[in-house]
């Protein structure tokens, strides 16, 4: 699960879909990285005081034209199957 969270975080950054003005939201995402543990689970996020406010916004004139609303969900919906396949391949998880 940590691998899936890490890949989702990395893909979000490489796709440049995070809201970007000063860069604080995106930097907080990488500074905090993947949080959690095997017992409680893993999570990623943007850790600025305004991230929860801008995350669900739609119909906004973003300074970054690639920004998507709910960027983590967007990445998961568009790249999720590939992320899972890669995590299985890299971690040799067999079902």
C-alpha atoms as a PDB file:
ATOM      1  CA  UNK A   1       0.000   0.000   0.000  1.00  0.00           C
ATOM      2  CA  UNK A   2       2.883   2.353   0.708  1.00  0.00           C
ATOM      3  CA  UNK A   3       4.137   1.837  -2.840  1.00  0.00           C
ATOM      4  CA  UNK A   4       0.723   2.735  -4.252  1.00  0.00           C
ATOM      5  CA  UNK A   5       0.579   5.895  -2.121  1.00  0.00           C
ATOM      6  CA  UNK A   6       4.130   6.879  -3.143  1.00  0.00           C
ATOM      7  CA  UNK A   7       3.469   6.330  -6.830  1.00  0.00           C
ATOM      8  CA  UNK A   8       0.222   8.299  -6.661  1.00  0.00           C
ATOM      9  CA  UNK A   9       2.052  11.153  -4.960  1.00  0.00           C
ATOM     10  CA  UNK A  10       4.865  11.095  -7.513  1.00  0.00           C
ATOM     11  CA  UNK A  11       2.458  10.901 -10.441  1.00  0.00           C
ATOM     12  CA  UNK A  12       0.496  13.876  -9.072  1.00  0.00           C
ATOM     13  CA  UNK A  13       3.691  15.887  -9.049  1.00  0.00           C
ATOM     14  CA  UNK A  14       4.901  14.803 -12.460  1.00  0.00           C
ATOM     15  CA  UNK A  15       1.528  15.525 -14.064  1.00  0.00           C
ATOM     16  CA  UNK A  16       1.595  19.049 -12.537  1.00  0.00           C
ATOM     17  CA  UNK A  17      -2.120  18.885 -11.712  1.00  0.00           C
ATOM     18  CA  UNK A  18      -1.831  20.356  -8.195  1.00  0.00           C
ATOM     19  CA  UNK A  19      -3.074  23.909  -7.671  1.00  0.00           C
ATOM     20  CA  UNK A  20      -0.066  26.173  -7.911  1.00  0.00           C
ATOM     21  CA  UNK A  21       0.354  29.827  -7.077  1.00  0.00           C
ATOM     22  CA  UNK A  22       3.209  30.201  -4.624  1.00  0.00           C
ATOM     23  CA  UNK A  23       4.128  26.516  -4.642  1.00  0.00           C
ATOM     24  CA  UNK A  24       3.380  26.001  -0.943  1.00  0.00           C
ATOM     25  CA  UNK A  25       0.646  23.432  -1.584  1.00  0.00           C
ATOM     26  CA  UNK A  26       2.850  21.354  -3.846  1.00  0.00           C
ATOM     27  CA  UNK A  27       5.912  21.666  -1.573  1.00  0.00           C
ATOM     28  CA  UNK A  28       3.860  20.559   1.430  1.00  0.00           C
ATOM     29  CA  UNK A  29       2.867  17.466  -0.512  1.00  0.00           C
ATOM     30  CA  UNK A  30       6.507  16.456  -1.010  1.00  0.00           C
ATOM     31  CA  UNK A  31       7.771  17.642   2.373  1.00  0.00           C
ATOM     32  CA  UNK A  32       5.257  15.455   4.215  1.00  0.00           C
ATOM     33  CA  UNK A  33       5.395  12.633   1.673  1.00  0.00           C
ATOM     34  CA  UNK A  34       3.595   9.398   2.448  1.00  0.00           C
ATOM     35  CA  UNK A  35       2.239   9.378   6.009  1.00  0.00           C
ATOM     36  CA  UNK A  36       1.085   6.477   8.143  1.00  0.00           C
ATOM     37  CA  UNK A  37       2.131   2.897   8.696  1.00  0.00           C
ATOM     38  CA  UNK A  38       1.198  -0.687   7.876  1.00  0.00           C
ATOM     39  CA  UNK A  39      -1.145  -0.915  10.858  1.00  0.00           C
ATOM     40  CA  UNK A  40      -3.220   2.210  10.267  1.00  0.00           C
ATOM     41  CA  UNK A  41      -2.706   2.603   6.543  1.00  0.00           C
ATOM     42  CA  UNK A  42      -0.996   5.225   4.411  1.00  0.00           C
ATOM     43  CA  UNK A  43      -2.132   8.585   3.101  1.00  0.00           C
ATOM     44  CA  UNK A  44      -0.908  11.519   1.046  1.00  0.00           C
ATOM     45  CA  UNK A  45      -2.099  15.089   0.940  1.00  0.00           C
ATOM     46  CA  UNK A  46      -1.372  18.768   0.792  1.00  0.00           C
ATOM     47  CA  UNK A  47      -0.619  20.122   4.205  1.00  0.00           C
ATOM     48  CA  UNK A  48      -1.230  23.862   3.989  1.00  0.00           C
ATOM     49  CA  UNK A  49      -3.977  25.644   5.868  1.00  0.00           C
ATOM     50  CA  UNK A  50      -5.824  26.411   2.631  1.00  0.00           C
ATOM     51  CA  UNK A  51      -5.404  23.080   0.807  1.00  0.00           C
ATOM     52  CA  UNK A  52      -8.756  21.689   1.926  1.00  0.00           C
ATOM     53  CA  UNK A  53     -10.386  24.871   0.635  1.00  0.00           C
ATOM     54  CA  UNK A  54      -8.874  24.826  -2.861  1.00  0.00           C
ATOM     55  CA  UNK A  55      -8.836  21.038  -3.388  1.00  0.00           C
ATOM     56  CA  UNK A  56     -12.544  20.696  -4.263  1.00  0.00           C
ATOM     57  CA  UNK A  57     -12.793  23.962  -6.248  1.00  0.00           C
ATOM     58  CA  UNK A  58     -13.917  23.773  -9.846  1.00  0.00           C
ATOM     59  CA  UNK A  59     -14.419  26.471 -12.458  1.00  0.00           C
ATOM     60  CA  UNK A  60     -11.411  28.364 -11.151  1.00  0.00           C
ATOM     61  CA  UNK A  61      -8.908  30.272 -13.256  1.00  0.00           C
ATOM     62  CA  UNK A  62      -5.869  28.374 -11.985  1.00  0.00           C
ATOM     63  CA  UNK A  63      -2.430  29.910 -12.462  1.00  0.00           C
ATOM     64  CA  UNK A  64      -1.292  26.497 -13.702  1.00  0.00           C
ATOM     65  CA  UNK A  65      -3.398  25.495 -16.733  1.00  0.00           C
ATOM     66  CA  UNK A  66      -2.882  21.765 -15.998  1.00  0.00           C
ATOM     67  CA  UNK A  67      -4.466  21.958 -12.539  1.00  0.00           C
ATOM     68  CA  UNK A  68      -7.356  19.599 -11.959  1.00  0.00           C
ATOM     69  CA  UNK A  69      -9.960  19.802  -9.258  1.00  0.00           C
ATOM     70  CA  UNK A  70      -9.388  17.097  -6.625  1.00  0.00           C
ATOM     71  CA  UNK A  71      -5.966  16.376  -8.121  1.00  0.00           C
ATOM     72  CA  UNK A  72      -5.249  13.195  -6.145  1.00  0.00           C
ATOM     73  CA  UNK A  73      -8.593  11.709  -7.181  1.00  0.00           C
ATOM     74  CA  UNK A  74      -7.954  12.790 -10.774  1.00  0.00           C
ATOM     75  CA  UNK A  75      -4.604  10.978 -10.836  1.00  0.00           C
ATOM     76  CA  UNK A  76      -6.111   7.884  -9.245  1.00  0.00           C
ATOM     77  CA  UNK A  77      -9.010   7.790 -11.730  1.00  0.00           C
ATOM     78  CA  UNK A  78      -6.751   8.266 -14.751  1.00  0.00           C
ATOM     79  CA  UNK A  79      -3.666   6.312 -13.677  1.00  0.00           C
ATOM     80  CA  UNK A  80      -4.843   3.977 -10.882  1.00  0.00           C
ATOM     81  CA  UNK A  81      -4.712   0.666 -12.772  1.00  0.00           C
ATOM     82  CA  UNK A  82      -1.181   1.394 -13.980  1.00  0.00           C
ATOM     83  CA  UNK A  83      -0.102   2.406 -10.489  1.00  0.00           C
ATOM     84  CA  UNK A  84      -1.420  -0.865  -9.067  1.00  0.00           C
ATOM     85  CA  UNK A  85       0.237  -2.931 -11.805  1.00  0.00           C
ATOM     86  CA  UNK A  86       3.568  -1.222 -11.217  1.00  0.00           C
ATOM     87  CA  UNK A  87       3.334  -1.661  -7.426  1.00  0.00           C
ATOM     88  CA  UNK A  88       2.659  -5.369  -7.860  1.00  0.00           C
ATOM     89  CA  UNK A  89       5.517  -5.735 -10.332  1.00  0.00           C
ATOM     90  CA  UNK A  90       8.011  -3.778  -8.233  1.00  0.00           C
ATOM     91  CA  UNK A  91       7.089  -5.461  -4.954  1.00  0.00           C
ATOM     92  CA  UNK A  92       6.653  -8.949  -6.414  1.00  0.00           C
ATOM     93  CA  UNK A  93       3.197  -9.316  -4.974  1.00  0.00           C
ATOM     94  CA  UNK A  94       1.500 -12.370  -6.437  1.00  0.00           C
ATOM     95  CA  UNK A  95      -2.151 -13.246  -6.182  1.00  0.00           C
END
